[in-house]
Amino acid sequence: MNAKLTLQLNKETIEQAKQYARAQNTSLSKLVESVLSKLISEKADTRISPLVKSLSGIIELPEAYDYREEYGQYLMDKYK
């Protein structure tokens, strides 16, 4: 079910959005709907479980800790 929505945006932003929508062969309404749907679904996908949240901050790492270097060393040791 569609509903009407009124937004107040900067005039230049509106014009650029209209041009972008035209270039994509879509309406401004469909473009806004698509962007909002994507933002909502991304946020839903990034929820952190209570277990992971409780583990956050348990380990204190040095300021200069380089996880890539550590992982690289792990792989070197693993495949010797």
N, C-alpha and C. Protein backbone atom coordinates (compact mmCIF):
# COMPACT_ATOMS: atom_id res chain seq x y z
N MET A 1 0.83 -1.17 0.00
CA MET A 1 0.00 0.00 0.00
C MET A 1 0.88 1.25 0.00
N ASN A 2 0.66 2.12 -0.93
CA ASN A 2 1.43 3.35 -1.02
C ASN A 2 0.78 4.45 -0.20
N ALA A 3 1.61 5.34 0.34
CA ALA A 3 1.14 6.50 1.08
C ALA A 3 1.94 7.71 0.63
N LYS A 4 1.37 8.87 0.75
CA LYS A 4 2.03 10.09 0.33
C LYS A 4 2.91 10.61 1.46
N LEU A 5 4.08 11.14 1.10
CA LEU A 5 5.03 11.67 2.07
C LEU A 5 5.56 13.00 1.56
N THR A 6 5.62 13.99 2.41
CA THR A 6 6.16 15.29 2.04
C THR A 6 7.48 15.48 2.76
N LEU A 7 8.52 15.83 2.00
CA LEU A 7 9.85 16.06 2.56
C LEU A 7 10.30 17.47 2.25
N GLN A 8 11.11 18.04 3.12
CA GLN A 8 11.73 19.33 2.86
C GLN A 8 13.22 19.09 2.69
N LEU A 9 13.71 19.36 1.47
CA LEU A 9 15.12 19.15 1.15
C LEU A 9 15.67 20.39 0.47
N ASN A 10 16.97 20.49 0.46
CA ASN A 10 17.66 21.55 -0.26
C ASN A 10 17.30 21.47 -1.74
N LYS A 11 17.01 22.63 -2.36
CA LYS A 11 16.58 22.67 -3.76
C LYS A 11 17.59 22.00 -4.69
N GLU A 12 18.86 22.26 -4.46
CA GLU A 12 19.91 21.69 -5.31
C GLU A 12 19.94 20.16 -5.18
N THR A 13 19.75 19.68 -3.97
CA THR A 13 19.71 18.23 -3.74
C THR A 13 18.55 17.60 -4.49
N ILE A 14 17.41 18.27 -4.47
CA ILE A 14 16.23 17.76 -5.17
C ILE A 14 16.50 17.68 -6.67
N GLU A 15 17.08 18.73 -7.23
CA GLU A 15 17.36 18.75 -8.68
C GLU A 15 18.35 17.65 -9.06
N GLN A 16 19.40 17.49 -8.25
CA GLN A 16 20.38 16.44 -8.53
C GLN A 16 19.74 15.06 -8.41
N ALA A 17 18.87 14.89 -7.44
CA ALA A 17 18.19 13.60 -7.26
C ALA A 17 17.27 13.31 -8.44
N LYS A 18 16.58 14.33 -8.93
CA LYS A 18 15.71 14.16 -10.10
C LYS A 18 16.53 13.76 -11.32
N GLN A 19 17.67 14.42 -11.52
CA GLN A 19 18.54 14.08 -12.65
C GLN A 19 19.04 12.64 -12.53
N TYR A 20 19.43 12.27 -11.33
CA TYR A 20 19.92 10.91 -11.11
C TYR A 20 18.82 9.89 -11.39
N ALA A 21 17.62 10.17 -10.91
CA ALA A 21 16.50 9.26 -11.13
C ALA A 21 16.21 9.12 -12.62
N ARG A 22 16.22 10.26 -13.34
CA ARG A 22 15.99 10.21 -14.79
C ARG A 22 17.05 9.35 -15.47
N ALA A 23 18.31 9.53 -15.07
CA ALA A 23 19.41 8.76 -15.67
C ALA A 23 19.26 7.27 -15.39
N GLN A 24 18.62 6.92 -14.28
CA GLN A 24 18.41 5.52 -13.91
C GLN A 24 17.08 4.98 -14.44
N ASN A 25 16.37 5.80 -15.20
CA ASN A 25 15.05 5.44 -15.74
C ASN A 25 14.07 5.02 -14.64
N THR A 26 14.02 5.82 -13.59
CA THR A 26 13.11 5.55 -12.48
C THR A 26 12.54 6.87 -11.97
N SER A 27 11.57 6.78 -11.12
CA SER A 27 11.00 8.00 -10.53
C SER A 27 11.75 8.34 -9.24
N LEU A 28 11.62 9.58 -8.84
CA LEU A 28 12.25 10.00 -7.60
C LEU A 28 11.65 9.24 -6.42
N SER A 29 10.37 8.98 -6.47
CA SER A 29 9.72 8.22 -5.39
C SER A 29 10.31 6.81 -5.27
N LYS A 30 10.48 6.14 -6.42
CA LYS A 30 11.05 4.78 -6.41
C LYS A 30 12.49 4.81 -5.92
N LEU A 31 13.23 5.85 -6.31
CA LEU A 31 14.63 5.98 -5.89
C LEU A 31 14.71 6.12 -4.37
N VAL A 32 13.90 7.02 -3.82
CA VAL A 32 13.91 7.22 -2.36
C VAL A 32 13.47 5.95 -1.64
N GLU A 33 12.44 5.30 -2.16
CA GLU A 33 11.97 4.05 -1.56
C GLU A 33 13.07 2.99 -1.56
N SER A 34 13.79 2.90 -2.67
CA SER A 34 14.87 1.92 -2.80
C SER A 34 15.99 2.19 -1.80
N VAL A 35 16.39 3.45 -1.69
CA VAL A 35 17.47 3.81 -0.76
C VAL A 35 17.05 3.54 0.68
N LEU A 36 15.84 3.93 1.04
CA LEU A 36 15.37 3.69 2.41
C LEU A 36 15.26 2.20 2.71
N SER A 37 14.76 1.43 1.77
CA SER A 37 14.65 -0.02 1.97
C SER A 37 16.02 -0.65 2.19
N LYS A 38 16.99 -0.20 1.40
CA LYS A 38 18.35 -0.74 1.53
C LYS A 38 18.93 -0.38 2.90
N LEU A 39 18.76 0.86 3.33
CA LEU A 39 19.28 1.26 4.64
C LEU A 39 18.65 0.46 5.76
N ILE A 40 17.36 0.25 5.68
CA ILE A 40 16.65 -0.51 6.71
C ILE A 40 17.12 -1.95 6.74
N SER A 41 17.28 -2.58 5.57
CA SER A 41 17.70 -3.98 5.54
C SER A 41 19.14 -4.14 5.99
N GLU A 42 20.01 -3.17 5.67
CA GLU A 42 21.41 -3.24 6.13
C GLU A 42 21.46 -3.15 7.64
N LYS A 43 20.67 -2.27 8.21
CA LYS A 43 20.67 -2.12 9.66
C LYS A 43 20.18 -3.40 10.32
N ALA A 44 19.18 -4.02 9.76
CA ALA A 44 18.65 -5.27 10.31
C ALA A 44 19.69 -6.38 10.23
N ASP A 45 20.49 -6.38 9.17
CA ASP A 45 21.50 -7.42 8.98
C ASP A 45 22.68 -7.27 9.94
N THR A 46 22.89 -6.06 10.47
CA THR A 46 24.08 -5.84 11.29
C THR A 46 23.80 -5.88 12.79
N ARG A 47 22.69 -6.43 13.19
CA ARG A 47 22.39 -6.55 14.62
C ARG A 47 23.40 -7.49 15.27
N ILE A 48 23.82 -7.14 16.46
CA ILE A 48 24.81 -7.93 17.19
C ILE A 48 24.09 -8.73 18.26
N SER A 49 24.40 -10.02 18.29
CA SER A 49 23.75 -10.89 19.27
C SER A 49 24.20 -10.51 20.69
N PRO A 50 23.38 -10.80 21.69
CA PRO A 50 23.74 -10.49 23.07
C PRO A 50 25.06 -11.15 23.49
N LEU A 51 25.33 -12.37 23.01
CA LEU A 51 26.57 -13.05 23.36
C LEU A 51 27.77 -12.27 22.84
N VAL A 52 27.73 -11.88 21.58
CA VAL A 52 28.85 -11.13 21.00
C VAL A 52 28.99 -9.79 21.69
N LYS A 53 27.88 -9.14 21.97
CA LYS A 53 27.91 -7.85 22.66
C LYS A 53 28.57 -7.98 24.03
N SER A 54 28.28 -9.08 24.73
CA SER A 54 28.87 -9.28 26.06
C SER A 54 30.37 -9.54 25.99
N LEU A 55 30.85 -10.05 24.86
CA LEU A 55 32.28 -10.32 24.70
C LEU A 55 33.07 -9.09 24.25
N SER A 56 32.39 -8.11 23.76
CA SER A 56 33.04 -6.91 23.25
C SER A 56 33.82 -6.21 24.36
N GLY A 57 35.10 -5.95 24.10
CA GLY A 57 35.93 -5.23 25.06
C GLY A 57 36.59 -6.10 26.11
N ILE A 58 36.40 -7.41 26.05
CA ILE A 58 37.00 -8.31 27.05
C ILE A 58 38.52 -8.32 26.92
N ILE A 59 39.01 -8.34 25.69
CA ILE A 59 40.45 -8.40 25.45
C ILE A 59 40.97 -6.99 25.18
N GLU A 60 42.00 -6.62 25.91
CA GLU A 60 42.62 -5.32 25.68
C GLU A 60 43.85 -5.53 24.81
N LEU A 61 43.86 -4.87 23.66
CA LEU A 61 44.97 -4.99 22.72
C LEU A 61 45.81 -3.72 22.77
N PRO A 62 47.12 -3.87 22.48
CA PRO A 62 47.97 -2.68 22.44
C PRO A 62 47.49 -1.71 21.35
N GLU A 63 47.80 -0.45 21.52
CA GLU A 63 47.38 0.58 20.56
C GLU A 63 47.86 0.28 19.15
N ALA A 64 49.08 -0.24 19.01
CA ALA A 64 49.67 -0.49 17.69
C ALA A 64 49.42 -1.91 17.19
N TYR A 65 48.43 -2.60 17.70
CA TYR A 65 48.16 -3.98 17.30
C TYR A 65 47.71 -4.03 15.84
N ASP A 66 48.37 -4.91 15.07
CA ASP A 66 48.04 -5.06 13.65
C ASP A 66 47.50 -6.47 13.43
N TYR A 67 46.19 -6.59 13.33
CA TYR A 67 45.57 -7.91 13.19
C TYR A 67 45.96 -8.57 11.88
N ARG A 68 46.24 -7.79 10.84
CA ARG A 68 46.63 -8.39 9.56
C ARG A 68 48.00 -9.07 9.67
N GLU A 69 48.89 -8.41 10.36
CA GLU A 69 50.22 -9.00 10.56
C GLU A 69 50.10 -10.27 11.40
N GLU A 70 49.30 -10.22 12.42
CA GLU A 70 49.08 -11.38 13.30
C GLU A 70 48.47 -12.55 12.51
N TYR A 71 47.49 -12.25 11.68
CA TYR A 71 46.84 -13.29 10.88
C TYR A 71 47.82 -13.84 9.84
N GLY A 72 48.62 -12.97 9.25
CA GLY A 72 49.63 -13.41 8.30
C GLY A 72 50.62 -14.37 8.95
N GLN A 73 51.03 -14.05 10.17
CA GLN A 73 51.95 -14.92 10.90
C GLN A 73 51.28 -16.25 11.21
N TYR A 74 50.03 -16.22 11.58
CA TYR A 74 49.27 -17.45 11.84
C TYR A 74 49.26 -18.34 10.60
N LEU A 75 48.99 -17.75 9.44
CA LEU A 75 48.96 -18.53 8.20
C LEU A 75 50.33 -19.08 7.85
N MET A 76 51.37 -18.29 8.07
CA MET A 76 52.74 -18.76 7.80
C MET A 76 53.05 -19.98 8.66
N ASP A 77 52.71 -19.90 9.95
CA ASP A 77 52.95 -21.02 10.85
C ASP A 77 52.11 -22.23 10.48
N LYS A 78 50.88 -21.99 10.07
CA LYS A 78 49.97 -23.08 9.73
C LYS A 78 50.45 -23.87 8.52
N TYR A 79 50.97 -23.18 7.52
CA TYR A 79 51.33 -23.84 6.26
C TYR A 79 52.83 -24.06 6.08
N LYS A 80 53.58 -24.12 7.16
CA LYS A 80 55.02 -24.42 7.08
C LYS A 80 55.26 -25.83 6.64
